[in-house]
Amino acid sequence: MATLTIRNFDDAAYERLKRDARANHRSLEAEARARLEGSASSRAELLDQLRAVRIPTGPDYEGSVALIRSVRDEE
């Protein structure tokens, strides 16, 4: 397991982290670990979702006008 040291951590953020740790019945370290692990997986999941809904572009792309018309016509 790795060890992480954070220097110059904002006092207000530290107090919010402590408050959330108490609310979640976790130690300060466990709360920080949960947030860091969650944000790493959330970012990867978000990127996957964005890639799934990305509008294709390229030589066959008809442009935004055609896209807007097709969405409007579906309603």
N, C-alpha and C. Protein backbone atom coordinates (compact mmCIF):
# COMPACT_ATOMS: atom_id res chain seq x y z
N MET A 1 0.84 -1.18 0.00
CA MET A 1 0.00 0.00 0.00
C MET A 1 0.88 1.25 0.00
N ALA A 2 0.44 2.26 -0.69
CA ALA A 2 1.16 3.52 -0.78
C ALA A 2 0.77 4.44 0.36
N THR A 3 1.63 5.41 0.65
CA THR A 3 1.38 6.43 1.65
C THR A 3 1.38 7.78 0.96
N LEU A 4 0.46 8.64 1.34
CA LEU A 4 0.33 9.95 0.72
C LEU A 4 0.39 11.02 1.78
N THR A 5 1.20 12.04 1.57
CA THR A 5 1.28 13.19 2.46
C THR A 5 0.81 14.40 1.70
N ILE A 6 -0.08 15.18 2.30
CA ILE A 6 -0.59 16.39 1.65
C ILE A 6 -0.13 17.59 2.46
N ARG A 7 0.62 18.45 1.83
CA ARG A 7 1.12 19.65 2.50
C ARG A 7 0.27 20.85 2.10
N ASN A 8 0.23 21.85 2.97
CA ASN A 8 -0.48 23.10 2.70
C ASN A 8 -1.95 22.89 2.35
N PHE A 9 -2.59 21.97 3.06
CA PHE A 9 -4.00 21.68 2.85
C PHE A 9 -4.82 22.79 3.48
N ASP A 10 -5.76 23.34 2.75
CA ASP A 10 -6.59 24.45 3.21
C ASP A 10 -7.33 24.10 4.50
N ASP A 11 -7.28 25.00 5.49
CA ASP A 11 -7.90 24.76 6.78
C ASP A 11 -9.41 24.53 6.66
N ALA A 12 -10.07 25.31 5.82
CA ALA A 12 -11.52 25.16 5.65
C ALA A 12 -11.86 23.80 5.04
N ALA A 13 -11.07 23.38 4.07
CA ALA A 13 -11.30 22.07 3.46
C ALA A 13 -11.06 20.95 4.47
N TYR A 14 -10.06 21.13 5.31
CA TYR A 14 -9.76 20.16 6.37
C TYR A 14 -10.94 20.04 7.32
N GLU A 15 -11.52 21.16 7.72
CA GLU A 15 -12.67 21.14 8.63
C GLU A 15 -13.88 20.49 7.97
N ARG A 16 -14.09 20.74 6.68
CA ARG A 16 -15.20 20.09 5.97
C ARG A 16 -14.99 18.58 5.92
N LEU A 17 -13.75 18.18 5.69
CA LEU A 17 -13.42 16.76 5.63
C LEU A 17 -13.68 16.10 6.99
N LYS A 18 -13.28 16.77 8.06
CA LYS A 18 -13.52 16.25 9.41
C LYS A 18 -15.02 16.14 9.68
N ARG A 19 -15.76 17.18 9.29
CA ARG A 19 -17.22 17.16 9.50
C ARG A 19 -17.87 16.01 8.75
N ASP A 20 -17.47 15.82 7.51
CA ASP A 20 -18.03 14.73 6.71
C ASP A 20 -17.63 13.37 7.25
N ALA A 21 -16.42 13.26 7.76
CA ALA A 21 -15.97 11.99 8.36
C ALA A 21 -16.85 11.63 9.55
N ARG A 22 -17.12 12.62 10.40
CA ARG A 22 -18.02 12.36 11.55
C ARG A 22 -19.41 11.95 11.07
N ALA A 23 -19.94 12.66 10.08
CA ALA A 23 -21.28 12.37 9.58
C ALA A 23 -21.36 10.97 8.96
N ASN A 24 -20.26 10.52 8.37
CA ASN A 24 -20.23 9.20 7.72
C ASN A 24 -19.69 8.10 8.64
N HIS A 25 -19.46 8.45 9.90
CA HIS A 25 -18.96 7.49 10.90
C HIS A 25 -17.66 6.84 10.45
N ARG A 26 -16.75 7.69 9.94
CA ARG A 26 -15.45 7.21 9.50
C ARG A 26 -14.36 8.06 10.15
N SER A 27 -13.17 7.52 10.15
CA SER A 27 -12.02 8.31 10.59
C SER A 27 -11.71 9.33 9.50
N LEU A 28 -10.93 10.33 9.85
CA LEU A 28 -10.53 11.34 8.88
C LEU A 28 -9.77 10.69 7.72
N GLU A 29 -8.89 9.77 8.05
CA GLU A 29 -8.12 9.08 7.02
C GLU A 29 -9.02 8.26 6.11
N ALA A 30 -10.00 7.55 6.70
CA ALA A 30 -10.91 6.74 5.90
C ALA A 30 -11.77 7.61 4.99
N GLU A 31 -12.18 8.78 5.48
CA GLU A 31 -12.98 9.70 4.66
C GLU A 31 -12.15 10.22 3.48
N ALA A 32 -10.91 10.61 3.75
CA ALA A 32 -10.03 11.09 2.68
C ALA A 32 -9.79 10.00 1.65
N ARG A 33 -9.56 8.78 2.13
CA ARG A 33 -9.32 7.66 1.22
C ARG A 33 -10.55 7.39 0.36
N ALA A 34 -11.73 7.42 0.97
CA ALA A 34 -12.97 7.17 0.22
C ALA A 34 -13.17 8.23 -0.86
N ARG A 35 -12.89 9.48 -0.52
CA ARG A 35 -13.04 10.55 -1.52
C ARG A 35 -12.04 10.40 -2.65
N LEU A 36 -10.81 10.11 -2.33
CA LEU A 36 -9.81 9.97 -3.38
C LEU A 36 -10.10 8.78 -4.27
N GLU A 37 -10.48 7.67 -3.69
CA GLU A 37 -10.81 6.49 -4.48
C GLU A 37 -12.06 6.74 -5.32
N GLY A 38 -13.03 7.40 -4.73
CA GLY A 38 -14.27 7.70 -5.46
C GLY A 38 -14.06 8.64 -6.61
N SER A 39 -13.23 9.66 -6.41
CA SER A 39 -13.02 10.62 -7.48
C SER A 39 -12.24 10.00 -8.63
N ALA A 40 -11.35 9.10 -8.34
CA ALA A 40 -10.59 8.45 -9.41
C ALA A 40 -11.50 7.59 -10.27
N SER A 41 -12.40 6.83 -9.64
CA SER A 41 -13.29 5.99 -10.43
C SER A 41 -14.38 6.83 -11.09
N SER A 42 -14.84 7.89 -10.44
CA SER A 42 -15.86 8.73 -11.02
C SER A 42 -15.36 9.39 -12.29
N ARG A 43 -14.11 9.82 -12.29
CA ARG A 43 -13.55 10.47 -13.48
C ARG A 43 -13.50 9.49 -14.64
N ALA A 44 -13.07 8.27 -14.37
CA ALA A 44 -13.00 7.27 -15.42
C ALA A 44 -14.40 6.95 -15.95
N GLU A 45 -15.37 6.82 -15.05
CA GLU A 45 -16.73 6.54 -15.47
C GLU A 45 -17.30 7.70 -16.28
N LEU A 46 -17.02 8.93 -15.84
CA LEU A 46 -17.50 10.10 -16.56
C LEU A 46 -16.93 10.15 -17.97
N LEU A 47 -15.65 9.88 -18.10
CA LEU A 47 -15.04 9.87 -19.43
C LEU A 47 -15.66 8.81 -20.33
N ASP A 48 -15.95 7.65 -19.77
CA ASP A 48 -16.61 6.60 -20.55
C ASP A 48 -17.99 7.04 -21.02
N GLN A 49 -18.74 7.70 -20.13
CA GLN A 49 -20.07 8.18 -20.49
C GLN A 49 -20.00 9.25 -21.57
N LEU A 50 -19.03 10.16 -21.44
CA LEU A 50 -18.88 11.21 -22.45
C LEU A 50 -18.50 10.63 -23.81
N ARG A 51 -17.64 9.62 -23.80
CA ARG A 51 -17.26 8.99 -25.06
C ARG A 51 -18.47 8.30 -25.71
N ALA A 52 -19.36 7.75 -24.88
CA ALA A 52 -20.52 7.03 -25.41
C ALA A 52 -21.52 7.97 -26.09
N VAL A 53 -21.62 9.21 -25.62
CA VAL A 53 -22.61 10.13 -26.19
C VAL A 53 -21.98 11.18 -27.10
N ARG A 54 -20.70 11.06 -27.33
CA ARG A 54 -19.99 12.03 -28.17
C ARG A 54 -20.58 12.06 -29.56
N ILE A 55 -20.75 13.26 -30.08
CA ILE A 55 -21.28 13.43 -31.43
C ILE A 55 -20.12 13.22 -32.41
N PRO A 56 -20.31 12.33 -33.36
CA PRO A 56 -19.23 12.07 -34.30
C PRO A 56 -18.99 13.28 -35.21
N THR A 57 -17.76 13.49 -35.55
CA THR A 57 -17.40 14.53 -36.51
C THR A 57 -16.52 13.91 -37.57
N GLY A 58 -16.35 14.59 -38.63
CA GLY A 58 -15.51 14.07 -39.71
C GLY A 58 -16.14 14.35 -41.05
N PRO A 59 -15.63 13.73 -42.10
CA PRO A 59 -16.12 14.04 -43.45
C PRO A 59 -17.60 13.68 -43.66
N ASP A 60 -18.12 12.71 -42.92
CA ASP A 60 -19.52 12.30 -43.09
C ASP A 60 -20.47 13.07 -42.18
N TYR A 61 -19.94 13.93 -41.34
CA TYR A 61 -20.76 14.66 -40.38
C TYR A 61 -21.56 15.74 -41.09
N GLU A 62 -22.87 15.79 -40.85
CA GLU A 62 -23.75 16.72 -41.56
C GLU A 62 -23.79 18.11 -40.93
N GLY A 63 -23.27 18.24 -39.73
CA GLY A 63 -23.28 19.55 -39.07
C GLY A 63 -24.36 19.67 -38.02
N SER A 64 -24.29 20.75 -37.26
CA SER A 64 -25.19 20.93 -36.13
C SER A 64 -26.62 21.19 -36.57
N VAL A 65 -26.83 21.83 -37.70
CA VAL A 65 -28.19 22.12 -38.15
C VAL A 65 -28.96 20.83 -38.38
N ALA A 66 -28.35 19.89 -39.05
CA ALA A 66 -29.01 18.60 -39.31
C ALA A 66 -29.27 17.87 -38.00
N LEU A 67 -28.35 17.95 -37.07
CA LEU A 67 -28.52 17.29 -35.78
C LEU A 67 -29.69 17.91 -35.01
N ILE A 68 -29.76 19.22 -34.99
CA ILE A 68 -30.87 19.90 -34.29
C ILE A 68 -32.19 19.56 -34.92
N ARG A 69 -32.24 19.53 -36.25
CA ARG A 69 -33.49 19.19 -36.93
C ARG A 69 -33.93 17.76 -36.62
N SER A 70 -32.96 16.83 -36.59
CA SER A 70 -33.33 15.44 -36.32
C SER A 70 -33.84 15.27 -34.89
N VAL A 71 -33.25 15.97 -33.94
CA VAL A 71 -33.72 15.89 -32.56
C VAL A 71 -35.09 16.53 -32.44
N ARG A 72 -35.28 17.68 -33.08
CA ARG A 72 -36.56 18.38 -33.04
C ARG A 72 -37.65 17.51 -33.66
N ASP A 73 -37.37 16.85 -34.76
CA ASP A 73 -38.35 16.03 -35.44
C ASP A 73 -38.73 14.79 -34.64
N GLU A 74 -37.86 14.33 -33.76
CA GLU A 74 -38.14 13.15 -32.93
C GLU A 74 -39.19 13.47 -31.86
N GLU A 75 -39.30 14.74 -31.47
CA GLU A 75 -40.22 15.11 -30.38
C GLU A 75 -41.64 15.19 -30.81
